[in-house]
């Protein structure tokens, strides 16, 4: 059973930076299509895709709303994925969830690619 644990959320002022982490434990996929991603959910809104990284190739993709401000990366030895968030805006306030899975849909943004989810970490950006 794969377990994902997020950390690093908190309160930051608009324009500030924050890095959230997601550590995985349990069996790790060796598939070339192994994906790790970040989603977020703001109060009263649906969960939305933020970023994803293909573990083997290091290919990445981002939501348009965060492109140029957020960077996803991973540490293979620690089985951990990071989301560096710069230039934060109040509209980035949400619970951030990490996820793990394999590519099986046309777009990595599709939640159906992901089999495992963390419990989430709160990120709050004050204006």
Protein backbone atom coordinates (compact mmCIF):
# COMPACT_ATOMS: atom_id res chain seq x y z
CA UNK A 1 0.00 0.00 0.00
CA UNK A 2 1.42 3.36 -1.05
CA UNK A 3 1.14 6.16 1.47
CA UNK A 4 1.62 9.82 0.59
CA UNK A 5 2.27 12.45 3.26
CA UNK A 6 2.32 16.16 2.48
CA UNK A 7 4.13 18.78 4.54
CA UNK A 8 5.23 22.40 4.32
CA UNK A 9 1.94 24.23 4.05
CA UNK A 10 1.27 27.40 6.01
CA UNK A 11 0.39 31.07 5.92
CA UNK A 12 2.27 33.47 3.67
CA UNK A 13 1.74 37.01 2.41
CA UNK A 14 0.92 37.72 -1.20
CA UNK A 15 4.08 37.75 -3.29
CA UNK A 16 5.82 35.34 -0.94
CA UNK A 17 7.09 31.81 -1.45
CA UNK A 18 6.39 28.42 0.04
CA UNK A 19 7.55 24.89 -0.68
CA UNK A 20 5.35 21.88 -0.05
CA UNK A 21 6.64 18.33 -0.03
CA UNK A 22 5.11 14.92 -0.56
CA UNK A 23 6.91 11.86 0.75
CA UNK A 24 5.86 8.43 -0.44
CA UNK A 25 6.25 5.16 1.41
CA UNK A 26 5.44 1.64 0.34
CA UNK A 27 5.93 -0.01 -3.07
CA UNK A 28 7.25 2.35 -5.75
CA UNK A 29 6.34 1.92 -9.37
CA UNK A 30 9.19 1.44 -11.83
CA UNK A 31 6.96 2.13 -14.80
CA UNK A 32 8.18 4.71 -17.29
CA UNK A 33 4.68 6.13 -17.04
CA UNK A 34 4.83 6.68 -13.27
CA UNK A 35 3.40 10.09 -12.39
CA UNK A 36 3.39 12.25 -9.31
CA UNK A 37 1.14 15.25 -9.23
CA UNK A 38 -0.25 18.11 -7.19
CA UNK A 39 -3.88 19.17 -7.06
CA UNK A 40 -5.58 21.81 -4.95
CA UNK A 41 -9.06 22.51 -3.67
CA UNK A 42 -10.27 25.88 -2.46
CA UNK A 43 -13.38 26.24 -0.28
CA UNK A 44 -16.54 25.79 -2.31
CA UNK A 45 -14.63 24.80 -5.45
CA UNK A 46 -13.78 21.57 -7.18
CA UNK A 47 -10.38 19.99 -6.92
CA UNK A 48 -8.14 21.26 -9.71
CA UNK A 49 -4.87 20.15 -11.25
CA UNK A 50 -1.75 22.15 -10.41
CA UNK A 51 1.33 20.30 -11.71
CA UNK A 52 2.71 16.86 -12.47
CA UNK A 53 6.05 15.20 -13.10
CA UNK A 54 6.83 12.00 -14.92
CA UNK A 55 9.19 10.27 -12.54
CA UNK A 56 11.58 8.60 -14.99
CA UNK A 57 11.84 11.25 -17.71
CA UNK A 58 11.43 14.34 -15.46
CA UNK A 59 8.91 15.77 -17.90
CA UNK A 60 6.58 18.26 -16.27
CA UNK A 61 3.30 19.99 -16.94
CA UNK A 62 1.53 22.85 -15.20
CA UNK A 63 -1.85 24.46 -14.99
CA UNK A 64 -1.92 27.78 -16.84
CA UNK A 65 -2.76 29.59 -13.60
CA UNK A 66 0.56 28.61 -11.99
CA UNK A 67 2.89 28.40 -14.98
CA UNK A 68 5.99 30.51 -14.44
CA UNK A 69 5.38 30.76 -10.69
CA UNK A 70 5.35 27.14 -9.48
CA UNK A 71 7.98 24.46 -10.05
CA UNK A 72 7.55 20.74 -9.47
CA UNK A 73 10.60 18.57 -8.82
CA UNK A 74 11.47 15.28 -7.25
CA UNK A 75 14.17 13.56 -5.19
CA UNK A 76 14.43 9.93 -6.24
CA UNK A 77 16.47 8.85 -3.21
CA UNK A 78 13.87 10.27 -0.83
CA UNK A 79 10.90 9.24 -2.96
CA UNK A 80 9.67 12.79 -2.48
CA UNK A 81 8.13 15.33 -4.80
CA UNK A 82 8.23 19.07 -4.16
CA UNK A 83 6.18 22.03 -5.28
CA UNK A 84 8.03 25.32 -5.06
CA UNK A 85 5.51 28.15 -5.12
CA UNK A 86 6.73 31.68 -5.81
CA UNK A 87 4.79 34.87 -6.38
CA UNK A 88 1.87 33.53 -4.39
CA UNK A 89 -1.52 35.16 -4.78
CA UNK A 90 -4.60 35.07 -2.53
CA UNK A 91 -6.32 32.93 -5.16
CA UNK A 92 -3.69 30.23 -4.57
CA UNK A 93 -5.22 29.64 -1.15
CA UNK A 94 -6.35 26.02 -1.00
CA UNK A 95 -5.66 22.60 0.41
CA UNK A 96 -2.90 21.08 -1.68
CA UNK A 97 -2.99 17.35 -2.32
CA UNK A 98 -0.29 15.18 -3.79
CA UNK A 99 -1.09 12.13 -5.87
CA UNK A 100 0.67 9.17 -7.47
CA UNK A 101 -0.30 6.98 -10.40
CA UNK A 102 0.50 6.00 -13.96
CA UNK A 103 -0.44 7.63 -17.24
CA UNK A 104 -3.65 6.08 -18.50
CA UNK A 105 -5.59 9.08 -19.76
CA UNK A 106 -5.00 11.52 -22.60
CA UNK A 107 -3.83 14.26 -20.23
CA UNK A 108 -1.80 14.06 -17.05
CA UNK A 109 -4.25 16.58 -15.56
CA UNK A 110 -6.97 13.94 -15.34
CA UNK A 111 -7.43 12.77 -11.72
CA UNK A 112 -8.20 9.28 -13.05
CA UNK A 113 -4.46 8.84 -13.71
CA UNK A 114 -3.83 8.84 -9.98
CA UNK A 115 -4.37 5.88 -7.70
CA UNK A 116 -3.06 7.25 -4.42
CA UNK A 117 -3.72 10.54 -2.69
CA UNK A 118 -2.35 12.31 0.35
CA UNK A 119 -4.45 13.93 3.07
CA UNK A 120 -3.59 17.45 1.98
CA UNK A 121 -1.79 20.46 3.42
CA UNK A 122 -3.32 23.91 3.82
CA UNK A 123 -1.75 26.86 2.00
CA UNK A 124 -3.14 30.27 2.87
CA UNK A 125 -2.05 33.45 1.10
CA UNK A 126 -3.03 36.72 2.73
CA UNK A 127 -3.50 39.92 0.76
